[in-house]
């Protein structure tokens, strides 16, 4: 069911799967409970590339050959989902641990995989489709959902799927953001960071096309119920996109492996990866091309820190870039929970260490709320933060730094070595340290973390981790 011989593993490296996973995400977001959970808790608006990377890493762990890795990842995701519950704008409850909700997430991945093959002109035969469905059933069972919340047979699955599309899905706020707003403000991935004009030009051209392709690929009954517009020629464009993406299968093996593409997409120029030098040269050429674009096109540039800018950032910029992880314009508990979630995932923490980190962030949230929530609405606006004490670094934030250091210091020797540093930041170990063992002391780590999290200065380590998208 899992590993390199599975049907899923074959699809994971298929270029069409990029279109399929976006389609599956839209169908997930159309479920009222999932849509509400995304709006309240997800970083997909402010940090879409991080969200994509984490999803791909999680799927690789779950469908990989190692059973211990799969069980550990399933336990981590169960802990994550157990923390996501609340009510939507219509006061309806949502719970990410609801087995029917989890079954729908898996159903969208399976159905979109089948659909991508059909739209690409290579429909799956019945045997292959049954095998793929059995793999996704095993995927759901790995989370402990043994009661069969997915129908037992493929024939029953299609009846279940049609019922969900016709009766349960809605035009949620999360769906509308993904289809019509996300691409308008999509930040550049790390690969193109610092090339605002080139990215703005590509986004202005590709965004509407990708949106039209995705809408055209959705089930027609749902498009009608949700009031999604029918764009002339979109069906032909969608079919052409899937067929063209499918032609990439004729490239030599290994050219389009998902892990290779994503590692390049998230490669930072200051990484110690050997490809970074080539990337730096390419970025230089692209900057020159960007300068030409600015002369002949009206594309607006993305604004980031100016080249040569000082190490600081003003309070409002820090609020938007770092604190407002969910991108709703306010700081509240889901934003700090998203930080804890990202750090726990990066370090692959077990339950005790993860819980300590969440508790430390919860203490910091209570400290921030008591100091800065002047109107008592349970959240902190950008204006409240800017008017308060941007450099606030009280005992609770120190506790966060201490817990994070202990979680990163796997061998408990009170120093973070190069391998431990990479596990947290996934960049080159570029820090200048004394001694031949290239270690990072507890006091230095805490000092740097406090300087970053209190908004006093930028950080070449923490910015890619928590501030960049």
Protein backbone atom coordinates (compact mmCIF):
# COMPACT_ATOMS: atom_id res chain seq x y z
CA UNK A 1 0.00 0.00 0.00
CA UNK A 2 2.92 2.37 0.63
CA UNK A 3 6.45 2.94 -0.64
CA UNK A 4 7.99 3.25 -4.11
CA UNK A 5 5.81 0.53 -5.70
CA UNK A 6 2.50 2.17 -4.76
CA UNK A 7 0.25 3.90 -7.27
CA UNK A 8 0.37 7.07 -5.17
CA UNK A 9 4.17 7.20 -5.38
CA UNK A 10 3.92 7.15 -9.17
CA UNK A 11 1.42 10.00 -9.18
CA UNK A 12 3.40 12.05 -6.66
CA UNK A 13 6.06 12.79 -9.30
CA UNK A 14 3.55 13.43 -12.10
CA UNK A 15 3.51 17.14 -13.12
CA UNK A 16 -0.28 16.95 -13.51
CA UNK A 17 -0.49 16.36 -9.80
CA UNK A 18 0.32 20.03 -9.17
CA UNK A 19 -3.00 20.86 -10.87
CA UNK A 20 -4.77 18.00 -9.12
CA UNK A 21 -3.67 18.97 -5.61
CA UNK A 22 -4.86 22.56 -6.16
CA UNK A 23 -8.20 21.17 -7.35
CA UNK A 24 -8.37 18.90 -4.29
CA UNK A 25 -7.61 21.85 -2.01
CA UNK A 26 -10.52 23.81 -3.50
CA UNK A 27 -12.88 20.87 -2.96
CA UNK A 28 -11.65 20.54 0.63
CA UNK A 29 -12.16 24.26 1.24
CA UNK A 30 -15.74 23.95 -0.07
CA UNK A 31 -16.60 21.72 2.90
CA UNK A 32 -18.08 24.05 5.56
CA UNK A 33 -16.05 22.64 8.46
CA UNK A 34 -12.76 22.58 6.54
CA UNK A 35 -13.36 26.03 5.09
CA UNK A 36 -13.97 27.47 8.56
CA UNK A 37 -10.88 25.77 10.00
CA UNK A 38 -8.75 27.15 7.16
CA UNK A 39 -10.00 30.71 7.68
CA UNK A 40 -9.47 30.62 11.44
CA UNK A 41 -6.23 28.67 11.73
CA UNK A 42 -4.37 28.15 8.48
CA UNK A 43 -1.40 30.10 7.18
CA UNK A 44 -2.35 29.46 3.54
CA UNK A 45 -3.07 33.16 2.89
CA UNK A 46 0.04 34.70 4.44
CA UNK A 47 2.41 31.76 3.92
CA UNK A 48 1.15 29.69 0.97
CA UNK A 49 4.55 28.32 -0.09
CA UNK A 50 5.31 27.13 3.43
CA UNK A 51 1.87 25.49 3.56
CA UNK A 52 2.55 23.72 0.24
CA UNK A 53 5.96 22.51 1.34
CA UNK A 54 4.64 21.17 4.64
CA UNK A 55 1.81 19.33 2.85
CA UNK A 56 4.22 17.66 0.43
CA UNK A 57 6.63 16.68 3.20
CA UNK A 58 3.76 15.21 5.21
CA UNK A 59 2.46 13.19 2.25
CA UNK A 60 5.96 11.84 1.59
CA UNK A 61 6.21 10.70 5.19
CA UNK A 62 2.76 9.10 5.17
CA UNK A 63 3.18 7.26 1.86
CA UNK A 64 6.85 6.40 2.31
CA UNK A 65 8.12 2.86 2.96
CA UNK A 66 9.06 3.38 6.62
CA UNK A 67 6.29 2.33 9.02
CA UNK A 68 7.83 4.10 12.04
CA UNK A 69 7.99 7.41 10.11
CA UNK A 70 4.38 6.97 9.04
CA UNK A 71 3.16 6.29 12.57
CA UNK A 72 5.10 9.26 13.93
CA UNK A 73 3.69 11.58 11.24
CA UNK A 74 0.14 10.30 11.78
CA UNK A 75 0.47 10.95 15.52
CA UNK A 76 1.80 14.47 14.83
CA UNK A 77 -1.09 15.25 12.47
CA UNK A 78 -3.62 13.89 14.96
CA UNK A 79 -2.20 16.19 17.64
CA UNK A 80 -2.31 19.11 15.21
CA UNK A 81 -5.93 18.42 14.20
CA UNK A 82 -7.02 17.93 17.82
CA UNK A 83 -6.14 21.60 18.40
CA UNK A 84 -8.34 22.87 15.54
CA UNK A 85 -11.94 23.39 16.57
CA UNK A 86 -14.34 26.30 16.89
CA UNK A 87 -17.36 27.84 15.16
CA UNK A 88 -17.73 29.42 11.74
CA UNK A 89 -19.28 32.78 10.83
CA UNK A 90 -22.76 31.19 11.00
CA UNK A 91 -22.05 29.81 14.47
CA UNK A 92 -21.78 26.22 13.19
CA UNK A 93 -19.17 24.09 14.98
CA UNK A 94 -16.14 22.66 13.23
CA UNK A 95 -13.70 20.03 14.45
CA UNK A 96 -10.68 18.87 12.46
CA UNK A 97 -10.86 15.50 14.23
CA UNK A 98 -14.36 14.79 12.90
CA UNK A 99 -13.88 11.47 11.05
CA UNK A 100 -16.27 12.51 8.27
CA UNK A 101 -14.23 15.65 7.68
CA UNK A 102 -10.97 13.69 7.55
CA UNK A 103 -12.56 11.20 5.15
CA UNK A 104 -13.52 14.05 2.79
CA UNK A 105 -9.92 15.32 2.69
CA UNK A 106 -8.71 11.88 1.61
CA UNK A 107 -11.61 11.53 -0.83
CA UNK A 108 -10.66 14.76 -2.63
CA UNK A 109 -7.05 13.59 -3.04
CA UNK A 110 -8.17 10.26 -4.49
CA UNK A 111 -10.84 11.71 -6.78
CA UNK A 112 -8.54 14.48 -8.05
CA UNK A 113 -5.83 11.91 -8.83
CA UNK A 114 -8.34 9.90 -10.88
CA UNK A 115 -9.61 13.06 -12.58
CA UNK A 116 -6.13 14.27 -13.51
CA UNK A 117 -5.52 11.04 -15.40
CA UNK A 118 -8.87 11.28 -17.19
CA UNK A 119 -8.35 14.93 -18.15
CA UNK A 120 -4.80 14.16 -19.27
CA UNK A 121 -6.07 11.56 -21.75
CA UNK A 122 -4.92 8.54 -19.74
CA UNK A 123 -7.93 7.29 -17.75
CA UNK A 124 -7.11 4.67 -15.13
CA UNK A 125 -8.19 1.11 -15.72
CA UNK A 126 -10.42 -0.47 -13.10
CA UNK A 127 -7.66 -2.53 -11.49
CA UNK A 128 -5.35 0.46 -11.05
CA UNK A 129 -8.18 2.59 -9.73
CA UNK A 130 -9.11 -0.06 -7.16
CA UNK A 131 -5.49 -0.30 -6.05
CA UNK A 132 -5.21 3.48 -5.70
CA UNK A 133 -8.45 3.61 -3.69
CA UNK A 134 -7.19 0.86 -1.38
CA UNK A 135 -4.02 2.92 -0.79
CA UNK A 136 -6.03 5.99 0.20
CA UNK A 137 -8.20 3.86 2.48
CA UNK A 138 -5.00 2.62 4.14
CA UNK A 139 -3.81 6.22 4.36
CA UNK A 140 -6.95 7.19 6.29
CA UNK A 141 -6.68 4.08 8.48
CA UNK A 142 -3.13 5.10 9.43
CA UNK A 143 -4.68 7.97 11.41
CA UNK A 144 -6.70 5.51 13.47
CA UNK A 145 -9.97 5.99 11.57
CA UNK A 146 -10.70 2.28 11.40
CA UNK A 147 -14.50 2.53 11.25
CA UNK A 148 -14.56 2.83 7.48
CA UNK A 149 -15.63 6.44 7.04
CA UNK A 150 -14.72 6.05 3.39
CA UNK A 151 -17.11 3.66 1.61
CA UNK A 152 -15.77 0.10 1.39
CA UNK A 153 -16.04 -0.26 -2.38
CA UNK A 154 -15.22 2.01 -5.30
CA UNK A 155 -18.80 1.87 -6.60
CA UNK A 156 -20.09 3.10 -3.24
CA UNK A 157 -17.39 5.77 -3.19
CA UNK A 158 -18.74 7.46 -6.32
CA UNK A 159 -22.22 7.56 -4.80
CA UNK A 160 -20.74 9.12 -1.64
CA UNK A 161 -18.74 11.63 -3.70
CA UNK A 162 -21.78 12.69 -5.75
CA UNK A 163 -23.79 13.18 -2.55
CA UNK A 164 -21.08 15.39 -1.04
CA UNK A 165 -20.84 17.52 -4.19
CA UNK A 166 -24.61 17.90 -4.54
CA UNK A 167 -25.62 18.27 -0.89
CA UNK A 168 -22.75 19.19 1.42
CA UNK A 169 -20.30 21.52 -0.32
CA UNK A 170 -20.70 25.30 -0.23
CA UNK A 171 -19.16 28.42 -1.71
CA UNK A 172 -17.12 29.12 1.43
CA UNK A 173 -14.94 32.12 2.11
CA UNK A 174 -11.84 29.91 1.99
CA UNK A 175 -12.82 28.63 -1.47
CA UNK A 176 -13.32 32.16 -2.80
CA UNK A 177 -9.96 33.29 -1.40
CA UNK A 178 -8.13 30.38 -3.05
CA UNK A 179 -9.80 30.90 -6.42
CA UNK A 180 -10.01 34.67 -6.68
CA UNK A 181 -7.72 36.39 -4.17
CA UNK A 182 -4.77 34.14 -3.40
CA UNK A 183 -3.02 34.59 -6.73
CA UNK A 184 -3.58 38.36 -6.70
CA UNK A 185 -1.37 38.68 -3.62
CA UNK A 186 0.69 35.50 -3.84
CA UNK A 187 4.19 36.31 -2.54
CA UNK A 188 7.23 35.11 -4.42
CA UNK A 189 8.72 31.76 -3.42
CA UNK A 190 12.23 31.88 -1.93
CA UNK A 191 13.68 31.13 -5.37
CA UNK A 192 12.33 34.45 -6.74
CA UNK A 193 12.47 36.52 -3.58
CA UNK A 194 14.12 39.85 -4.37
CA UNK A 195 12.89 39.80 -7.98
CA UNK A 196 9.60 41.66 -7.52
CA UNK A 197 9.05 42.80 -11.10
CA UNK A 198 9.74 39.40 -12.64
CA UNK A 199 7.43 37.76 -10.12
CA UNK A 200 4.68 40.37 -10.55
CA UNK A 201 4.76 39.87 -14.33
CA UNK A 202 4.58 36.09 -14.08
CA UNK A 203 1.87 36.18 -11.43
CA UNK A 204 -0.29 38.63 -13.41
CA UNK A 205 -0.18 36.28 -16.41
CA UNK A 206 -0.34 32.88 -14.72
CA UNK A 207 -2.77 33.64 -11.87
CA UNK A 208 -5.97 34.08 -13.92
CA UNK A 209 -5.04 31.12 -16.13
CA UNK A 210 -4.50 28.77 -13.19
CA UNK A 211 -7.74 29.98 -11.59
CA UNK A 212 -9.70 29.37 -14.81
CA UNK A 213 -8.19 25.89 -15.22
CA UNK A 214 -9.06 24.95 -11.64
CA UNK A 215 -12.66 26.18 -11.87
CA UNK A 216 -13.19 24.38 -15.19
CA UNK A 217 -11.95 21.11 -13.67
CA UNK A 218 -14.45 21.16 -10.78
CA UNK A 219 -17.64 19.06 -10.97
CA UNK A 220 -20.26 20.88 -13.02
CA UNK A 221 -23.06 20.49 -10.42
CA UNK A 222 -20.88 22.17 -7.82
CA UNK A 223 -19.87 24.97 -10.18
CA UNK A 224 -23.56 25.73 -10.70
CA UNK A 225 -24.45 25.56 -6.98
CA UNK A 226 -21.50 27.75 -6.00
CA UNK A 227 -22.18 30.28 -8.76
CA UNK A 228 -18.68 29.93 -10.23
CA UNK A 229 -18.45 31.75 -13.57
CA UNK A 230 -18.27 29.84 -16.85
CA UNK A 231 -15.41 31.40 -18.80
CA UNK A 232 -15.56 30.86 -22.60
CA UNK A 233 -12.80 28.51 -23.69
CA UNK A 234 -11.91 27.48 -20.14
CA UNK A 235 -12.77 23.81 -20.72
CA UNK A 236 -10.47 23.62 -23.74
CA UNK A 237 -7.74 25.47 -21.84
CA UNK A 238 -8.08 23.08 -18.91
CA UNK A 239 -7.89 19.98 -21.12
CA UNK A 240 -4.83 21.38 -22.89
CA UNK A 241 -3.09 22.15 -19.59
CA UNK A 242 -3.54 18.61 -18.27
CA UNK A 243 -2.44 17.05 -21.56
CA UNK A 244 0.62 19.34 -21.78
CA UNK A 245 1.61 18.59 -18.20
CA UNK A 246 1.22 14.87 -18.93
CA UNK A 247 3.75 15.09 -21.77
CA UNK A 248 6.44 15.76 -19.19
CA UNK A 249 6.39 12.02 -18.43
CA UNK A 250 8.55 11.56 -21.53
CA UNK A 251 11.41 13.50 -19.92
CA UNK A 252 14.32 11.46 -18.55
CA UNK A 253 13.75 9.84 -15.16
CA UNK A 254 14.50 12.10 -12.25
CA UNK A 255 14.12 15.39 -14.09
CA UNK A 256 10.78 16.25 -12.50
CA UNK A 257 10.86 14.50 -9.16
CA UNK A 258 8.67 16.44 -6.73
CA UNK A 259 11.29 16.60 -3.99
CA UNK A 260 13.85 18.02 -6.45
CA UNK A 261 11.48 20.68 -7.76
CA UNK A 262 10.34 21.75 -4.28
CA UNK A 263 13.87 21.84 -2.88
CA UNK A 264 14.87 24.12 -5.76
CA UNK A 265 11.76 26.27 -5.30
CA UNK A 266 12.64 26.83 -1.64
CA UNK A 267 16.39 27.15 -2.17
CA UNK A 268 17.79 30.32 -0.63
CA UNK A 269 20.80 32.01 -2.29
CA UNK A 270 22.70 31.95 1.03
CA UNK A 271 22.23 28.19 1.45
CA UNK A 272 25.22 25.88 1.50
CA UNK A 273 23.55 23.78 -1.23
CA UNK A 274 25.92 23.46 -4.25
CA UNK A 275 23.16 24.76 -6.52
CA UNK A 276 23.09 28.09 -4.68
CA UNK A 277 26.00 29.53 -6.71
CA UNK A 278 24.17 28.80 -9.97
CA UNK A 279 21.02 30.31 -8.47
CA UNK A 280 22.87 33.49 -7.55
CA UNK A 281 24.13 33.90 -11.12
CA UNK A 282 20.65 33.26 -12.49
CA UNK A 283 19.11 35.79 -10.12
CA UNK A 284 21.56 38.41 -11.38
CA UNK A 285 20.36 37.89 -14.93
CA UNK A 286 16.74 37.90 -13.87
CA UNK A 287 17.23 41.20 -12.02
CA UNK A 288 18.52 42.74 -15.23
CA UNK A 289 15.49 41.36 -17.06
CA UNK A 290 13.29 42.80 -14.30
CA UNK A 291 14.77 46.24 -14.84
CA UNK A 292 13.77 46.03 -18.49
CA UNK A 293 10.25 44.90 -17.54
CA UNK A 294 9.86 47.96 -15.33
CA UNK A 295 10.53 50.20 -18.31
CA UNK A 296 8.05 48.60 -20.69
CA UNK A 297 5.23 47.15 -18.53
CA UNK A 298 2.77 48.44 -15.95
CA UNK A 299 3.14 45.45 -13.61
CA UNK A 300 3.28 46.61 -10.00
CA UNK A 301 6.31 45.50 -8.05
CA UNK A 302 6.21 43.57 -4.80
CA UNK A 303 7.74 45.64 -2.08
CA UNK A 304 10.11 44.09 0.39
CA UNK A 305 13.08 45.29 2.39
CA UNK A 306 15.16 47.65 0.33
CA UNK A 307 18.58 46.45 -0.70
CA UNK A 308 21.08 47.61 1.84
CA UNK A 309 18.38 48.35 4.38
CA UNK A 310 19.31 48.26 8.03
CA UNK A 311 18.68 45.31 10.28
CA UNK A 312 15.54 46.76 11.89
CA UNK A 313 11.91 46.84 10.77
CA UNK A 314 9.13 49.10 11.98
CA UNK A 315 6.39 47.77 14.23
CA UNK A 316 3.70 47.48 11.55
CA UNK A 317 6.03 45.67 9.15
CA UNK A 318 7.04 43.22 11.89
CA UNK A 319 3.38 42.68 12.78
CA UNK A 320 2.48 41.79 9.19
CA UNK A 321 5.59 39.77 8.34
CA UNK A 322 5.98 37.77 11.54
CA UNK A 323 3.12 37.97 14.02
CA UNK A 324 0.08 37.82 11.72
CA UNK A 325 0.68 34.24 10.55
CA UNK A 326 -2.89 33.69 9.35
CA UNK A 327 -3.02 36.96 7.38
CA UNK A 328 -6.32 38.26 8.80
CA UNK A 329 -4.90 41.57 10.02
CA UNK A 330 -4.98 40.66 13.72
CA UNK A 331 -2.79 38.85 16.22
CA UNK A 332 -4.54 36.19 18.25
CA UNK A 333 -3.89 32.67 19.49
CA UNK A 334 -4.11 30.90 16.07
CA UNK A 335 -1.18 33.03 14.86
CA UNK A 336 1.11 31.96 17.69
CA UNK A 337 -0.20 28.38 17.44
CA UNK A 338 0.85 28.45 13.77
CA UNK A 339 4.39 29.39 14.83
CA UNK A 340 4.46 26.54 17.34
CA UNK A 341 3.11 24.18 14.68
CA UNK A 342 5.77 25.20 12.15
CA UNK A 343 8.62 24.83 14.64
CA UNK A 344 7.32 21.47 15.87
CA UNK A 345 7.09 20.22 12.30
CA UNK A 346 10.58 21.43 11.38
CA UNK A 347 12.10 19.67 14.37
CA UNK A 348 9.81 16.60 14.16
CA UNK A 349 9.12 16.91 17.89
CA UNK A 350 7.55 14.13 19.90
CA UNK A 351 4.45 14.76 22.00
CA UNK A 352 6.10 15.98 25.26
CA UNK A 353 8.42 18.47 23.56
CA UNK A 354 5.67 19.69 21.24
CA UNK A 355 3.29 20.23 24.16
CA UNK A 356 5.94 22.21 26.05
CA UNK A 357 6.43 24.47 23.04
CA UNK A 358 2.67 25.05 22.62
CA UNK A 359 2.31 25.82 26.33
CA UNK A 360 5.19 28.31 26.15
CA UNK A 361 3.56 30.08 23.21
CA UNK A 362 0.23 30.09 25.05
CA UNK A 363 1.88 31.82 28.01
CA UNK A 364 3.37 34.40 25.65
CA UNK A 365 -0.06 34.99 24.06
CA UNK A 366 -1.58 35.66 27.48
CA UNK A 367 1.25 38.09 28.23
CA UNK A 368 0.78 39.92 24.92
CA UNK A 369 -2.99 40.02 25.31
CA UNK A 370 -2.80 41.48 28.81
CA UNK A 371 -0.37 44.19 27.69
CA UNK A 372 -1.65 45.15 24.23
CA UNK A 373 -5.36 44.26 23.84
CA UNK A 374 -6.57 47.72 24.82
CA UNK A 375 -10.15 47.37 23.53
CA UNK A 376 -10.68 43.96 25.13
CA UNK A 377 -11.91 42.21 21.98
CA UNK A 378 -9.65 39.19 22.54
CA UNK A 379 -7.22 40.01 19.73
CA UNK A 380 -4.53 42.56 18.96
CA UNK A 381 -4.79 44.84 15.96
CA UNK A 382 -1.83 46.23 14.07
CA UNK A 383 -2.60 49.66 15.52
CA UNK A 384 -2.74 48.34 19.08
CA UNK A 385 0.58 46.60 18.60
CA UNK A 386 2.26 49.63 17.02
CA UNK A 387 0.93 51.93 19.77
CA UNK A 388 1.97 49.53 22.51
CA UNK A 389 5.39 48.15 23.17
CA UNK A 390 6.80 46.56 20.00
CA UNK A 391 9.98 45.57 21.81
CA UNK A 392 8.04 43.62 24.45
CA UNK A 393 10.14 40.63 25.51
CA UNK A 394 8.90 39.50 28.88
CA UNK A 395 9.41 36.28 30.83
CA UNK A 396 6.97 34.30 28.67
CA UNK A 397 8.91 35.00 25.46
CA UNK A 398 12.14 34.04 27.22
CA UNK A 399 10.41 30.77 28.14
CA UNK A 400 9.54 30.19 24.46
CA UNK A 401 13.20 30.69 23.54
CA UNK A 402 14.36 28.31 26.26
CA UNK A 403 11.91 25.59 25.23
CA UNK A 404 12.82 25.97 21.56
CA UNK A 405 16.52 25.73 22.35
CA UNK A 406 16.01 22.55 24.38
CA UNK A 407 13.94 21.03 21.57
CA UNK A 408 16.62 21.85 19.00
CA UNK A 409 19.49 20.65 21.19
CA UNK A 410 18.76 16.97 20.59
CA UNK A 411 21.86 15.64 22.36
CA UNK A 412 21.33 17.88 25.40
CA UNK A 413 24.91 19.21 25.50
CA UNK A 414 23.68 22.85 25.87
CA UNK A 415 24.98 23.76 22.40
CA UNK A 416 23.34 23.63 18.97
CA UNK A 417 25.72 22.11 16.44
CA UNK A 418 25.60 22.42 12.65
CA UNK A 419 23.27 19.45 12.10
CA UNK A 420 20.84 20.60 14.79
CA UNK A 421 20.91 24.12 13.36
CA UNK A 422 20.06 22.81 9.89
CA UNK A 423 17.20 20.73 11.29
CA UNK A 424 15.56 23.91 12.56
CA UNK A 425 16.38 26.39 9.81
CA UNK A 426 17.07 24.17 6.76
CA UNK A 427 19.64 26.65 5.51
CA UNK A 428 23.39 26.68 5.53
CA UNK A 429 25.20 26.84 8.86
CA UNK A 430 26.46 30.35 8.13
CA UNK A 431 26.78 31.61 11.67
CA UNK A 432 30.23 32.74 12.79
CA UNK A 433 31.04 30.94 16.03
CA UNK A 434 34.13 30.45 18.06
CA UNK A 435 35.78 27.08 18.39
CA UNK A 436 36.31 24.27 15.94
CA UNK A 437 33.02 22.52 16.72
CA UNK A 438 30.90 25.37 15.26
CA UNK A 439 28.45 25.42 18.16
CA UNK A 440 25.70 27.85 19.12
CA UNK A 441 25.32 28.44 22.85
CA UNK A 442 22.04 28.66 24.74
CA UNK A 443 22.61 32.29 25.71
CA UNK A 444 23.43 33.32 22.12
CA UNK A 445 20.38 31.48 20.78
CA UNK A 446 18.03 33.02 23.34
CA UNK A 447 19.45 36.49 22.72
CA UNK A 448 19.01 36.20 18.94
CA UNK A 449 15.50 34.74 19.26
CA UNK A 450 14.38 37.53 21.59
CA UNK A 451 15.86 40.18 19.30
CA UNK A 452 13.93 38.75 16.37
CA UNK A 453 10.61 38.00 18.08
CA UNK A 454 10.46 41.39 19.78
CA UNK A 455 10.87 43.08 16.40
CA UNK A 456 14.21 44.68 17.19
CA UNK A 457 16.13 43.28 14.24
CA UNK A 458 15.94 41.04 11.22
CA UNK A 459 17.54 37.61 11.23
CA UNK A 460 19.01 35.65 8.33
CA UNK A 461 17.98 32.49 10.19
CA UNK A 462 14.55 33.29 11.64
CA UNK A 463 13.21 35.40 8.76
CA UNK A 464 13.02 32.45 6.33
CA UNK A 465 11.55 30.32 9.11
CA UNK A 466 8.72 32.55 10.37
CA UNK A 467 8.57 35.76 8.33
CA UNK A 468 8.82 34.63 4.71
CA UNK A 469 5.97 32.97 2.86
